[in-house]
């Protein structure tokens, strides 16, 4: 399913399996990329079962205000990338991925991990059940990861290109995981609240 420069989109209770590429991709036409215009806005993906995709289950290249909740991602075993969710705007094309919420999803058996937050900003990931592999943050900004349960390898990796990442390991918002590697930069104005 390709969502191109669209507003007020709901994808609900869909089974997506055996795709050669992404299960769902949020993008826009190439000529729009030059000016960073017309990202999809106000998008809901909920209640879907997404499996066996050749790339990602959901690939977010261009969107503002996306809610990914109550989905089941499993067996993402394709030949390239293999993340259940990949937030990966293309900076060369002035793409944006912002105001993203990922919560109450189930992830199991995804080759490279449940999600890769390559870039983007104002992302909140919470109350997800993640089996086998974890969350990889490469260089996003203003990300809050809380109340997630990561089993198996259970890792959260946050690269040094990331700015303002919150991954509580104690208190009521803590994540349950085996390892957190946080190399991100923090600013005084950023908090987990």
C-alpha atoms as a PDB file:
ATOM      1  CA  UNK A   1       0.000   0.000   0.000  1.00  0.00           C
ATOM      2  CA  UNK A   2       1.522   3.311  -1.045  1.00  0.00           C
ATOM      3  CA  UNK A   3       0.168   6.489   0.547  1.00  0.00           C
ATOM      4  CA  UNK A   4       1.185   9.542  -1.464  1.00  0.00           C
ATOM      5  CA  UNK A   5       0.719  13.122  -0.239  1.00  0.00           C
ATOM      6  CA  UNK A   6      -2.647  12.357   1.396  1.00  0.00           C
ATOM      7  CA  UNK A   7      -4.517  13.715   4.412  1.00  0.00           C
ATOM      8  CA  UNK A   8      -6.786  12.021   6.968  1.00  0.00           C
ATOM      9  CA  UNK A   9      -5.941   8.425   6.017  1.00  0.00           C
ATOM     10  CA  UNK A  10      -6.986   5.369   8.048  1.00  0.00           C
ATOM     11  CA  UNK A  11      -5.612   1.891   7.296  1.00  0.00           C
ATOM     12  CA  UNK A  12      -7.474  -0.475   9.620  1.00  0.00           C
ATOM     13  CA  UNK A  13      -7.772  -4.247  10.079  1.00  0.00           C
ATOM     14  CA  UNK A  14      -5.782  -5.131   6.955  1.00  0.00           C
ATOM     15  CA  UNK A  15      -3.733  -8.293   6.476  1.00  0.00           C
ATOM     16  CA  UNK A  16      -0.569  -7.650   4.467  1.00  0.00           C
ATOM     17  CA  UNK A  17       1.698 -10.599   3.704  1.00  0.00           C
ATOM     18  CA  UNK A  18       4.179 -11.852   1.157  1.00  0.00           C
ATOM     19  CA  UNK A  19       5.115  -8.437  -0.300  1.00  0.00           C
ATOM     20  CA  UNK A  20       8.262  -8.197  -2.419  1.00  0.00           C
ATOM     21  CA  UNK A  21       8.942  -4.681  -1.039  1.00  0.00           C
ATOM     22  CA  UNK A  22       7.406  -2.636   1.774  1.00  0.00           C
ATOM     23  CA  UNK A  23       4.006  -3.577   3.162  1.00  0.00           C
ATOM     24  CA  UNK A  24       2.982   0.090   3.576  1.00  0.00           C
ATOM     25  CA  UNK A  25       5.019   3.083   2.416  1.00  0.00           C
ATOM     26  CA  UNK A  26       4.363   6.782   3.018  1.00  0.00           C
ATOM     27  CA  UNK A  27       5.976   8.906   0.321  1.00  0.00           C
ATOM     28  CA  UNK A  28       5.219  11.510  -2.340  1.00  0.00           C
ATOM     29  CA  UNK A  29       5.804  12.088  -6.024  1.00  0.00           C
ATOM     30  CA  UNK A  30       9.399  12.850  -6.953  1.00  0.00           C
ATOM     31  CA  UNK A  31       8.736  16.381  -8.208  1.00  0.00           C
ATOM     32  CA  UNK A  32       7.272  17.279  -4.819  1.00  0.00           C
ATOM     33  CA  UNK A  33      10.440  16.167  -3.023  1.00  0.00           C
ATOM     34  CA  UNK A  34      12.479  19.137  -4.219  1.00  0.00           C
ATOM     35  CA  UNK A  35      10.431  21.527  -2.134  1.00  0.00           C
ATOM     36  CA  UNK A  36       9.550  19.280   0.806  1.00  0.00           C
ATOM     37  CA  UNK A  37       5.861  19.819   0.130  1.00  0.00           C
ATOM     38  CA  UNK A  38       2.757  17.760   0.614  1.00  0.00           C
ATOM     39  CA  UNK A  39       3.702  15.124   3.167  1.00  0.00           C
ATOM     40  CA  UNK A  40       0.839  12.875   4.168  1.00  0.00           C
ATOM     41  CA  UNK A  41      -0.829  14.207   7.318  1.00  0.00           C
ATOM     42  CA  UNK A  42      -3.072  12.784  10.020  1.00  0.00           C
ATOM     43  CA  UNK A  43      -2.544   9.091   9.289  1.00  0.00           C
ATOM     44  CA  UNK A  44      -3.705   6.100  11.369  1.00  0.00           C
ATOM     45  CA  UNK A  45      -2.489   2.522  10.884  1.00  0.00           C
ATOM     46  CA  UNK A  46      -4.258   0.232  13.349  1.00  0.00           C
ATOM     47  CA  UNK A  47      -5.330  -3.368  13.804  1.00  0.00           C
ATOM     48  CA  UNK A  48      -3.244  -4.652  10.894  1.00  0.00           C
ATOM     49  CA  UNK A  49      -1.347  -7.936  10.592  1.00  0.00           C
ATOM     50  CA  UNK A  50       1.839  -7.361   8.585  1.00  0.00           C
ATOM     51  CA  UNK A  51       4.250 -10.180   7.737  1.00  0.00           C
ATOM     52  CA  UNK A  52       6.750 -11.582   5.237  1.00  0.00           C
ATOM     53  CA  UNK A  53       7.679  -8.315   3.520  1.00  0.00           C
ATOM     54  CA  UNK A  54      10.767  -8.084   1.314  1.00  0.00           C
ATOM     55  CA  UNK A  55      11.804  -4.791   2.913  1.00  0.00           C
ATOM     56  CA  UNK A  56       9.932  -3.130   5.787  1.00  0.00           C
ATOM     57  CA  UNK A  57       6.483  -3.722   7.172  1.00  0.00           C
ATOM     58  CA  UNK A  58       5.927   0.061   7.281  1.00  0.00           C
ATOM     59  CA  UNK A  59       8.332   2.525   5.665  1.00  0.00           C
ATOM     60  CA  UNK A  60       7.803   6.206   6.547  1.00  0.00           C
ATOM     61  CA  UNK A  61       9.619   8.523   4.150  1.00  0.00           C
ATOM     62  CA  UNK A  62       7.259  11.511   4.132  1.00  0.00           C
ATOM     63  CA  UNK A  63       4.560  12.038   6.768  1.00  0.00           C
ATOM     64  CA  UNK A  64       3.505  14.379   9.567  1.00  0.00           C
ATOM     65  CA  UNK A  65       1.217  13.160  12.307  1.00  0.00           C
ATOM     66  CA  UNK A  66       1.224   9.379  11.973  1.00  0.00           C
ATOM     67  CA  UNK A  67      -0.232   6.973  14.539  1.00  0.00           C
ATOM     68  CA  UNK A  68       0.881   3.308  14.313  1.00  0.00           C
ATOM     69  CA  UNK A  69      -0.973   1.333  16.977  1.00  0.00           C
ATOM     70  CA  UNK A  70      -2.377  -2.099  17.843  1.00  0.00           C
ATOM     71  CA  UNK A  71      -0.725  -3.874  14.912  1.00  0.00           C
ATOM     72  CA  UNK A  72       0.955  -7.270  14.702  1.00  0.00           C
ATOM     73  CA  UNK A  73       4.313  -7.315  12.877  1.00  0.00           C
ATOM     74  CA  UNK A  74       5.976 -10.686  12.384  1.00  0.00           C
ATOM     75  CA  UNK A  75       8.322 -12.648  10.147  1.00  0.00           C
ATOM     76  CA  UNK A  76       9.776  -9.683   8.274  1.00  0.00           C
ATOM     77  CA  UNK A  77      12.428 -11.820   6.585  1.00  0.00           C
ATOM     78  CA  UNK A  78      13.037 -10.244   3.187  1.00  0.00           C
ATOM     79  CA  UNK A  79      16.234  -9.473   1.339  1.00  0.00           C
ATOM     80  CA  UNK A  80      16.771  -5.809   2.247  1.00  0.00           C
ATOM     81  CA  UNK A  81      16.595  -3.963   5.594  1.00  0.00           C
ATOM     82  CA  UNK A  82      13.932  -6.203   7.214  1.00  0.00           C
ATOM     83  CA  UNK A  83      12.625  -3.877   9.914  1.00  0.00           C
ATOM     84  CA  UNK A  84       8.997  -3.976  10.940  1.00  0.00           C
ATOM     85  CA  UNK A  85       8.970  -0.148  10.943  1.00  0.00           C
ATOM     86  CA  UNK A  86      11.531   2.124   9.304  1.00  0.00           C
ATOM     87  CA  UNK A  87      11.284   5.885   9.859  1.00  0.00           C
ATOM     88  CA  UNK A  88      13.626   7.082   7.149  1.00  0.00           C
ATOM     89  CA  UNK A  89      12.989  10.467   5.524  1.00  0.00           C
ATOM     90  CA  UNK A  90      15.292  11.286   2.635  1.00  0.00           C
ATOM     91  CA  UNK A  91      17.259  14.426   3.505  1.00  0.00           C
ATOM     92  CA  UNK A  92      18.466  14.877  -0.075  1.00  0.00           C
ATOM     93  CA  UNK A  93      14.835  15.280  -1.131  1.00  0.00           C
ATOM     94  CA  UNK A  94      13.837  17.437   1.881  1.00  0.00           C
ATOM     95  CA  UNK A  95      11.512  14.693   3.130  1.00  0.00           C
ATOM     96  CA  UNK A  96      10.098  14.915   6.640  1.00  0.00           C
ATOM     97  CA  UNK A  97       8.913  12.373   9.178  1.00  0.00           C
ATOM     98  CA  UNK A  98       7.631  14.032  12.310  1.00  0.00           C
ATOM     99  CA  UNK A  99       5.064  13.705  15.056  1.00  0.00           C
ATOM    100  CA  UNK A 100       5.090   9.888  14.953  1.00  0.00           C
ATOM    101  CA  UNK A 101       3.502   7.713  17.634  1.00  0.00           C
ATOM    102  CA  UNK A 102       4.185   3.945  17.736  1.00  0.00           C
ATOM    103  CA  UNK A 103       2.363   2.124  20.547  1.00  0.00           C
ATOM    104  CA  UNK A 104       0.599  -1.071  21.635  1.00  0.00           C
ATOM    105  CA  UNK A 105       2.094  -3.059  18.755  1.00  0.00           C
ATOM    106  CA  UNK A 106       3.479  -6.591  18.802  1.00  0.00           C
ATOM    107  CA  UNK A 107       6.750  -7.411  17.036  1.00  0.00           C
ATOM    108  CA  UNK A 108       8.140 -10.902  16.526  1.00  0.00           C
ATOM    109  CA  UNK A 109      10.832 -12.463  14.342  1.00  0.00           C
ATOM    110  CA  UNK A 110      11.925  -9.434  12.304  1.00  0.00           C
ATOM    111  CA  UNK A 111      15.375 -10.072  10.857  1.00  0.00           C
ATOM    112  CA  UNK A 112      17.130  -6.778  11.672  1.00  0.00           C
ATOM    113  CA  UNK A 113      14.856  -5.497  14.435  1.00  0.00           C
ATOM    114  CA  UNK A 114      11.457  -4.172  15.299  1.00  0.00           C
ATOM    115  CA  UNK A 115      12.206  -0.643  14.189  1.00  0.00           C
ATOM    116  CA  UNK A 116      14.862   1.638  12.816  1.00  0.00           C
ATOM    117  CA  UNK A 117      14.519   5.343  13.472  1.00  0.00           C
ATOM    118  CA  UNK A 118      17.012   6.479  10.883  1.00  0.00           C
ATOM    119  CA  UNK A 119      15.970  10.088  11.058  1.00  0.00           C
ATOM    120  CA  UNK A 120      12.860  12.170  11.774  1.00  0.00           C
ATOM    121  CA  UNK A 121      11.787  14.069  14.854  1.00  0.00           C
ATOM    122  CA  UNK A 122       9.218  14.152  17.638  1.00  0.00           C
ATOM    123  CA  UNK A 123       8.790  10.388  17.771  1.00  0.00           C
ATOM    124  CA  UNK A 124       7.201   8.534  20.689  1.00  0.00           C
ATOM    125  CA  UNK A 125       7.492   4.743  21.039  1.00  0.00           C
ATOM    126  CA  UNK A 126       5.677   3.190  23.989  1.00  0.00           C
ATOM    127  CA  UNK A 127       3.935   0.120  25.403  1.00  0.00           C
ATOM    128  CA  UNK A 128       5.086  -2.176  22.599  1.00  0.00           C
ATOM    129  CA  UNK A 129       5.843  -5.910  22.981  1.00  0.00           C
ATOM    130  CA  UNK A 130       9.033  -6.681  21.093  1.00  0.00           C
ATOM    131  CA  UNK A 131      10.411 -10.213  20.720  1.00  0.00           C
ATOM    132  CA  UNK A 132      13.841 -10.866  19.208  1.00  0.00           C
ATOM    133  CA  UNK A 133      15.882  -7.793  18.328  1.00  0.00           C
ATOM    134  CA  UNK A 134      15.243  -4.226  19.285  1.00  0.00           C
ATOM    135  CA  UNK A 135      15.086  -0.559  18.418  1.00  0.00           C
ATOM    136  CA  UNK A 136      17.849   1.183  16.470  1.00  0.00           C
ATOM    137  CA  UNK A 137      18.059   4.989  16.504  1.00  0.00           C
ATOM    138  CA  UNK A 138      20.578   6.341  14.020  1.00  0.00           C
ATOM    139  CA  UNK A 139      20.064  10.127  13.983  1.00  0.00           C
ATOM    140  CA  UNK A 140      16.514  11.148  14.949  1.00  0.00           C
ATOM    141  CA  UNK A 141      15.699  14.109  17.180  1.00  0.00           C
ATOM    142  CA  UNK A 142      13.388  14.359  20.192  1.00  0.00           C
ATOM    143  CA  UNK A 143      12.500  10.699  20.684  1.00  0.00           C
ATOM    144  CA  UNK A 144      10.828   9.211  23.761  1.00  0.00           C
ATOM    145  CA  UNK A 145      10.972   5.436  24.260  1.00  0.00           C
ATOM    146  CA  UNK A 146       9.066   4.286  27.334  1.00  0.00           C
ATOM    147  CA  UNK A 147       7.197   1.323  28.828  1.00  0.00           C
ATOM    148  CA  UNK A 148       8.323  -1.042  26.056  1.00  0.00           C
ATOM    149  CA  UNK A 149       9.052  -4.703  26.755  1.00  0.00           C
ATOM    150  CA  UNK A 150      11.929  -6.093  24.693  1.00  0.00           C
ATOM    151  CA  UNK A 151      12.691  -9.798  25.070  1.00  0.00           C
ATOM    152  CA  UNK A 152      15.255 -12.011  23.362  1.00  0.00           C
ATOM    153  CA  UNK A 153      18.197  -9.751  22.510  1.00  0.00           C
ATOM    154  CA  UNK A 154      16.171  -6.875  23.950  1.00  0.00           C
ATOM    155  CA  UNK A 155      18.440  -4.001  22.934  1.00  0.00           C
ATOM    156  CA  UNK A 156      18.011  -0.307  22.293  1.00  0.00           C
ATOM    157  CA  UNK A 157      20.836   1.299  20.311  1.00  0.00           C
ATOM    158  CA  UNK A 158      21.006   5.080  20.002  1.00  0.00           C
ATOM    159  CA  UNK A 159      23.747   6.382  17.753  1.00  0.00           C
ATOM    160  CA  UNK A 160      25.817   9.510  18.198  1.00  0.00           C
ATOM    161  CA  UNK A 161      23.912  11.322  15.449  1.00  0.00           C
ATOM    162  CA  UNK A 162      20.809  11.300  17.651  1.00  0.00           C
ATOM    163  CA  UNK A 163      19.749  14.380  19.599  1.00  0.00           C
ATOM    164  CA  UNK A 164      17.474  14.349  22.662  1.00  0.00           C
ATOM    165  CA  UNK A 165      16.530  10.722  23.234  1.00  0.00           C
ATOM    166  CA  UNK A 166      14.779   9.558  26.393  1.00  0.00           C
ATOM    167  CA  UNK A 167      14.997   5.852  27.361  1.00  0.00           C
ATOM    168  CA  UNK A 168      14.042   5.453  31.046  1.00  0.00           C
ATOM    169  CA  UNK A 169      15.527   2.389  32.762  1.00  0.00           C
ATOM    170  CA  UNK A 170      13.983   3.124  36.158  1.00  0.00           C
ATOM    171  CA  UNK A 171      10.688   4.440  37.508  1.00  0.00           C
ATOM    172  CA  UNK A 172       7.161   4.139  36.187  1.00  0.00           C
ATOM    173  CA  UNK A 173       8.149   4.827  32.550  1.00  0.00           C
ATOM    174  CA  UNK A 174      11.016   2.344  32.409  1.00  0.00           C
ATOM    175  CA  UNK A 175      11.631   0.027  29.472  1.00  0.00           C
ATOM    176  CA  UNK A 176      12.271  -3.651  30.100  1.00  0.00           C
ATOM    177  CA  UNK A 177      15.242  -4.672  27.994  1.00  0.00           C
ATOM    178  CA  UNK A 178      18.650  -6.270  28.345  1.00  0.00           C
ATOM    179  CA  UNK A 179      20.817  -3.444  27.070  1.00  0.00           C
ATOM    180  CA  UNK A 180      20.664   0.260  26.242  1.00  0.00           C
ATOM    181  CA  UNK A 181      23.493   1.892  24.301  1.00  0.00           C
ATOM    182  CA  UNK A 182      22.962   5.652  24.302  1.00  0.00           C
ATOM    183  CA  UNK A 183      25.488   7.813  22.461  1.00  0.00           C
ATOM    184  CA  UNK A 184      23.072  10.669  21.793  1.00  0.00           C
ATOM    185  CA  UNK A 185      23.440  14.356  22.560  1.00  0.00           C
ATOM    186  CA  UNK A 186      21.135  15.876  25.190  1.00  0.00           C
ATOM    187  CA  UNK A 187      20.045  19.479  25.542  1.00  0.00           C
ATOM    188  CA  UNK A 188      18.987  21.149  28.778  1.00  0.00           C
ATOM    189  CA  UNK A 189      15.487  21.916  27.540  1.00  0.00           C
ATOM    190  CA  UNK A 190      14.650  18.258  26.773  1.00  0.00           C
ATOM    191  CA  UNK A 191      12.971  16.021  29.346  1.00  0.00           C
ATOM    192  CA  UNK A 192      11.191  12.686  29.435  1.00  0.00           C
ATOM    193  CA  UNK A 193       7.890  14.295  30.479  1.00  0.00           C
END
